[in-house]
Protein backbone atom coordinates (compact mmCIF):
# COMPACT_ATOMS: atom_id res chain seq x y z
CA UNK A 1 0.00 0.00 0.00
CA UNK A 2 2.82 2.40 0.79
CA UNK A 3 4.33 1.89 -2.66
CA UNK A 4 0.94 2.38 -4.36
CA UNK A 5 0.25 5.57 -2.39
CA UNK A 6 3.70 6.95 -3.10
CA UNK A 7 3.40 6.27 -6.83
CA UNK A 8 -0.06 7.85 -6.96
CA UNK A 9 1.20 10.96 -5.17
CA UNK A 10 4.29 11.31 -7.34
CA UNK A 11 2.39 10.73 -10.58
CA UNK A 12 -0.51 12.93 -9.50
CA UNK A 13 -3.08 10.24 -10.22
CA UNK A 14 -5.95 8.87 -8.12
CA UNK A 15 -5.63 5.70 -6.09
CA UNK A 16 -8.72 3.53 -5.86
CA UNK A 17 -9.16 0.36 -3.87
CA UNK A 18 -11.72 -2.25 -2.89
CA UNK A 19 -11.52 -4.80 -0.13
CA UNK A 20 -11.59 -8.50 -0.93
CA UNK A 21 -14.77 -8.98 1.14
CA UNK A 22 -16.49 -6.28 -0.93
CA UNK A 23 -15.48 -8.07 -4.13
CA UNK A 24 -16.95 -11.30 -2.73
CA UNK A 25 -20.18 -9.48 -1.86
CA UNK A 26 -20.37 -8.15 -5.44
CA UNK A 27 -19.81 -11.65 -6.84
CA UNK A 28 -22.62 -13.02 -4.67
CA UNK A 29 -24.96 -10.13 -5.43
CA UNK A 30 -28.14 -12.20 -5.84
CA UNK A 31 -27.70 -14.01 -2.53
CA UNK A 32 -26.93 -10.71 -0.81
CA UNK A 33 -30.08 -9.16 -2.25
CA UNK A 34 -32.14 -12.10 -0.98
CA UNK A 35 -30.66 -11.90 2.54
CA UNK A 36 -30.70 -8.10 2.87
CA UNK A 37 -27.42 -8.03 4.80
CA UNK A 38 -24.73 -10.60 5.49
CA UNK A 39 -21.43 -11.03 7.29
CA UNK A 40 -18.47 -12.13 5.18
CA UNK A 41 -15.52 -13.42 7.11
CA UNK A 42 -12.36 -15.44 7.17
CA UNK A 43 -11.44 -17.81 9.97
CA UNK A 44 -8.02 -17.24 11.52
CA UNK A 45 -6.91 -20.39 13.35
CA UNK A 46 -6.56 -19.82 17.12
CA UNK A 47 -7.46 -16.10 16.75
CA UNK A 48 -11.12 -15.89 15.72
CA UNK A 49 -12.81 -14.52 12.62
CA UNK A 50 -12.17 -11.35 10.65
CA UNK A 51 -15.56 -10.28 9.30
CA UNK A 52 -17.37 -7.30 7.84
CA UNK A 53 -21.07 -6.77 7.21
CA UNK A 54 -22.38 -5.96 3.71
CA UNK A 55 -25.71 -5.12 2.12
CA UNK A 56 -26.97 -4.67 -1.42
CA UNK A 57 -28.78 -1.40 -2.04
CA UNK A 58 -29.79 0.47 -5.19
CA UNK A 59 -26.28 1.91 -5.61
CA UNK A 60 -24.63 -1.50 -5.21
CA UNK A 61 -22.70 -3.11 -2.36
CA UNK A 62 -22.61 -1.10 0.84
CA UNK A 63 -20.25 -1.86 3.70
CA UNK A 64 -22.36 -1.65 6.86
CA UNK A 65 -19.54 -2.60 9.24
CA UNK A 66 -15.85 -2.57 8.37
CA UNK A 67 -14.00 -5.88 8.76
CA UNK A 68 -12.55 -6.47 12.21
CA UNK A 69 -11.50 -9.37 14.43
CA UNK A 70 -14.17 -11.27 16.38
CA UNK A 71 -12.31 -13.40 18.92
CA UNK A 72 -15.32 -15.60 19.76
CA UNK A 73 -15.64 -16.68 16.14
CA UNK A 74 -18.74 -17.05 14.01
CA UNK A 75 -21.05 -17.32 17.02
CA UNK A 76 -20.36 -13.63 17.77
CA UNK A 77 -21.89 -12.50 14.47
CA UNK A 78 -25.63 -11.81 14.52
CA UNK A 79 -27.40 -12.84 11.34
CA UNK A 80 -26.41 -14.76 8.21
CA UNK A 81 -22.74 -15.14 7.37
CA UNK A 82 -20.45 -16.61 4.70
CA UNK A 83 -16.90 -17.86 4.84
CA UNK A 84 -14.87 -15.82 2.36
CA UNK A 85 -14.31 -17.77 -0.85
CA UNK A 86 -11.52 -16.31 -2.94
CA UNK A 87 -11.71 -16.52 -6.72
CA UNK A 88 -8.60 -14.75 -7.96
CA UNK A 89 -9.58 -14.73 -11.65
CA UNK A 90 -13.13 -13.45 -11.08
CA UNK A 91 -11.96 -10.89 -8.50
CA UNK A 92 -9.18 -9.58 -10.75
CA UNK A 93 -11.61 -9.19 -13.67
CA UNK A 94 -14.15 -7.45 -11.45
CA UNK A 95 -11.45 -5.16 -10.03
CA UNK A 96 -10.36 -4.14 -13.53
CA UNK A 97 -14.00 -3.40 -14.46
CA UNK A 98 -14.45 -1.26 -11.34
CA UNK A 99 -11.23 0.63 -12.05
CA UNK A 100 -12.26 1.27 -15.64
CA UNK A 101 -15.68 2.48 -14.51
CA UNK A 102 -14.17 4.87 -11.94
CA UNK A 103 -11.59 6.14 -14.44
CA UNK A 104 -14.34 6.84 -16.98
CA UNK A 105 -16.45 8.65 -14.38
CA UNK A 106 -13.50 10.79 -13.30
CA UNK A 107 -12.70 11.70 -16.92
CA UNK A 108 -16.35 12.73 -17.46
CA UNK A 109 -16.27 14.92 -14.35
CA UNK A 110 -12.97 16.51 -15.36
CA UNK A 111 -14.31 17.36 -18.83
CA UNK A 112 -17.22 19.24 -17.24
CA UNK A 113 -14.95 21.54 -15.18
């Protein structure tokens, strides 16, 4: 992250980012819409669960609670939850699409100024 921030500052370009749990929530959009809100987490052996809470609203995925450590594990999370399932290829493609969309939006805004 430090390298990415430094490059963005030196090049004078924006730095965008999305968390892996948010990408998972976007991939599982239909299930998220059906549930209303859901915890997405990753089990850390002998430490607990790192989890964040996400919802699908008209503007897309919304992070209701930022990921943090729950030492008591899954039982500490109220409501439905999913174990994070990484899909590197799908997440990389989705990340590139999000970056392209944000770049296009920023170019449109800059042309209006």
